[in-house]
């Protein structure tokens, strides 16, 4: 039986960037996991970014109109899990995945430990959370956005 790949193995798998057309006929990049990881690593302490902002950066970097929303979302999750694998191995510098929020400021339930770990990490960086909804949201998240 084949063993499952770790998130770090998925992150660093040898892949090529691909290009396609989105349903509206626009040029779209299908990024590699390492491209998404590199974009997330640019987010500074106390700042935030969104999946949409990451997609805009990738599209600009690769000269297309958009980036695949499906792959970008999956690869952010892979980057988050790979970072936590690194933390478990004692690495000090990991991808700051907790700084990526949904396009409405909500935390991402697909990240490690669902909302709990992301909430704890964001609070440690000085963010406040609104927990009155099913998915907690960062209060004032728009002001904390970092241009990638």
Protein backbone atom coordinates (compact mmCIF):
# COMPACT_ATOMS: atom_id res chain seq x y z
CA UNK A 1 0.00 0.00 0.00
CA UNK A 2 1.28 3.46 -0.86
CA UNK A 3 1.93 5.76 2.04
CA UNK A 4 0.30 9.18 2.11
CA UNK A 5 2.48 12.16 1.30
CA UNK A 6 3.15 14.63 4.07
CA UNK A 7 2.06 18.22 3.52
CA UNK A 8 5.73 19.21 3.16
CA UNK A 9 6.17 16.61 0.43
CA UNK A 10 3.05 17.94 -1.34
CA UNK A 11 4.34 21.48 -1.00
CA UNK A 12 7.69 20.68 -2.58
CA UNK A 13 6.48 18.19 -5.19
CA UNK A 14 8.08 18.76 -8.59
CA UNK A 15 5.35 20.51 -10.59
CA UNK A 16 5.19 22.94 -13.45
CA UNK A 17 3.09 26.08 -13.56
CA UNK A 18 0.16 25.57 -15.94
CA UNK A 19 -1.97 28.01 -17.86
CA UNK A 20 -5.60 27.69 -18.89
CA UNK A 21 -8.71 29.74 -19.60
CA UNK A 22 -11.22 30.35 -16.84
CA UNK A 23 -14.98 29.90 -17.53
CA UNK A 24 -15.16 33.53 -18.74
CA UNK A 25 -12.33 32.90 -21.21
CA UNK A 26 -9.69 34.88 -19.29
CA UNK A 27 -6.07 33.74 -19.09
CA UNK A 28 -5.56 31.90 -15.80
CA UNK A 29 -2.48 30.58 -14.06
CA UNK A 30 -2.65 27.31 -12.18
CA UNK A 31 0.12 27.91 -9.65
CA UNK A 32 2.36 25.46 -7.86
CA UNK A 33 2.04 24.98 -4.10
CA UNK A 34 5.47 26.62 -3.59
CA UNK A 35 4.26 29.76 -5.42
CA UNK A 36 1.33 30.12 -3.02
CA UNK A 37 3.60 29.41 -0.04
CA UNK A 38 6.01 32.13 -1.20
CA UNK A 39 3.17 34.67 -1.41
CA UNK A 40 1.98 33.83 2.12
CA UNK A 41 5.55 34.16 3.46
CA UNK A 42 5.55 37.84 2.41
CA UNK A 43 2.81 38.76 4.92
CA UNK A 44 4.39 40.63 7.84
CA UNK A 45 3.57 40.25 11.52
CA UNK A 46 0.34 42.06 12.45
CA UNK A 47 -0.84 42.19 8.83
CA UNK A 48 -3.30 40.02 6.91
CA UNK A 49 -4.00 38.89 3.39
CA UNK A 50 -6.85 37.11 1.62
CA UNK A 51 -7.09 34.32 -0.92
CA UNK A 52 -8.24 36.95 -3.46
CA UNK A 53 -5.12 39.05 -2.83
CA UNK A 54 -2.90 35.99 -3.24
CA UNK A 55 -4.66 35.18 -6.53
CA UNK A 56 -4.14 38.77 -7.75
CA UNK A 57 -0.43 38.58 -6.92
CA UNK A 58 -0.01 35.24 -8.66
CA UNK A 59 -1.86 36.47 -11.76
CA UNK A 60 0.36 39.56 -11.88
CA UNK A 61 3.55 37.52 -11.35
CA UNK A 62 2.66 35.13 -14.18
CA UNK A 63 1.17 37.73 -16.54
CA UNK A 64 -2.39 36.41 -16.54
CA UNK A 65 -5.74 37.92 -15.69
CA UNK A 66 -6.50 35.59 -12.81
CA UNK A 67 -5.25 32.60 -10.82
CA UNK A 68 -7.19 29.40 -10.22
CA UNK A 69 -9.31 29.93 -7.09
CA UNK A 70 -9.66 26.20 -6.44
CA UNK A 71 -5.94 25.40 -6.58
CA UNK A 72 -4.93 28.54 -4.69
CA UNK A 73 -7.26 27.66 -1.82
CA UNK A 74 -6.02 24.08 -1.68
CA UNK A 75 -2.39 25.17 -1.80
CA UNK A 76 -2.84 27.68 1.06
CA UNK A 77 -4.19 24.79 3.13
CA UNK A 78 -1.23 22.60 2.14
CA UNK A 79 1.16 25.43 3.08
CA UNK A 80 -0.54 25.74 6.49
CA UNK A 81 -0.24 22.04 7.20
CA UNK A 82 3.38 21.95 5.99
CA UNK A 83 4.19 24.85 8.31
CA UNK A 84 2.69 23.02 11.27
CA UNK A 85 4.67 19.89 10.36
CA UNK A 86 7.78 22.08 10.42
CA UNK A 87 6.81 23.55 13.78
CA UNK A 88 6.34 20.03 15.18
CA UNK A 89 9.90 19.25 14.02
CA UNK A 90 11.22 22.30 15.87
CA UNK A 91 11.57 24.77 13.00
CA UNK A 92 11.45 28.40 14.13
CA UNK A 93 10.71 30.07 10.77
CA UNK A 94 7.52 28.74 9.23
CA UNK A 95 5.01 30.08 6.71
CA UNK A 96 2.65 32.46 8.59
CA UNK A 97 -0.51 30.79 7.29
CA UNK A 98 -2.63 32.18 10.14
CA UNK A 99 -2.39 35.62 8.50
CA UNK A 100 -4.55 34.45 5.58
CA UNK A 101 -8.25 35.14 6.11
CA UNK A 102 -11.23 34.59 3.87
CA UNK A 103 -12.31 37.41 1.57
CA UNK A 104 -14.75 38.61 4.25
CA UNK A 105 -12.25 38.55 7.14
CA UNK A 106 -13.42 35.18 8.48
CA UNK A 107 -11.02 32.53 9.73
CA UNK A 108 -10.57 29.38 7.65
CA UNK A 109 -11.96 26.15 9.09
CA UNK A 110 -9.73 24.07 6.79
CA UNK A 111 -6.54 25.27 8.45
CA UNK A 112 -4.89 23.16 11.19
CA UNK A 113 -7.03 22.89 14.34
CA UNK A 114 -9.91 24.57 12.48
CA UNK A 115 -10.38 28.05 13.96
CA UNK A 116 -8.66 27.53 17.31
CA UNK A 117 -4.99 27.74 16.34
CA UNK A 118 -5.52 30.52 13.79
CA UNK A 119 -7.47 32.54 16.36
CA UNK A 120 -4.77 32.08 18.99
CA UNK A 121 -1.99 33.12 16.57
CA UNK A 122 -3.89 36.19 15.37
CA UNK A 123 -4.67 37.29 18.93
CA UNK A 124 -0.98 36.95 19.78
CA UNK A 125 -0.26 39.43 16.96
CA UNK A 126 -2.74 41.93 18.37
CA UNK A 127 -5.87 41.22 16.29
CA UNK A 128 -9.31 41.16 17.86
CA UNK A 129 -11.91 38.60 16.83
CA UNK A 130 -15.68 38.74 16.51
CA UNK A 131 -16.86 35.31 17.63
CA UNK A 132 -20.60 35.99 17.38
CA UNK A 133 -20.84 34.08 14.08
CA UNK A 134 -20.16 30.47 13.17
CA UNK A 135 -16.83 31.43 11.62
CA UNK A 136 -14.94 33.99 13.74
CA UNK A 137 -13.90 37.16 11.90
CA UNK A 138 -11.03 39.55 12.45
CA UNK A 139 -12.35 42.91 13.64
CA UNK A 140 -11.13 45.65 11.29
CA UNK A 141 -9.45 43.16 8.98
CA UNK A 142 -9.62 45.56 6.01
CA UNK A 143 -7.25 47.97 7.78
CA UNK A 144 -4.72 45.19 8.41
CA UNK A 145 -4.50 44.04 4.78
CA UNK A 146 -1.03 44.00 3.28
CA UNK A 147 -0.50 44.57 -0.41
CA UNK A 148 1.45 41.63 -1.79
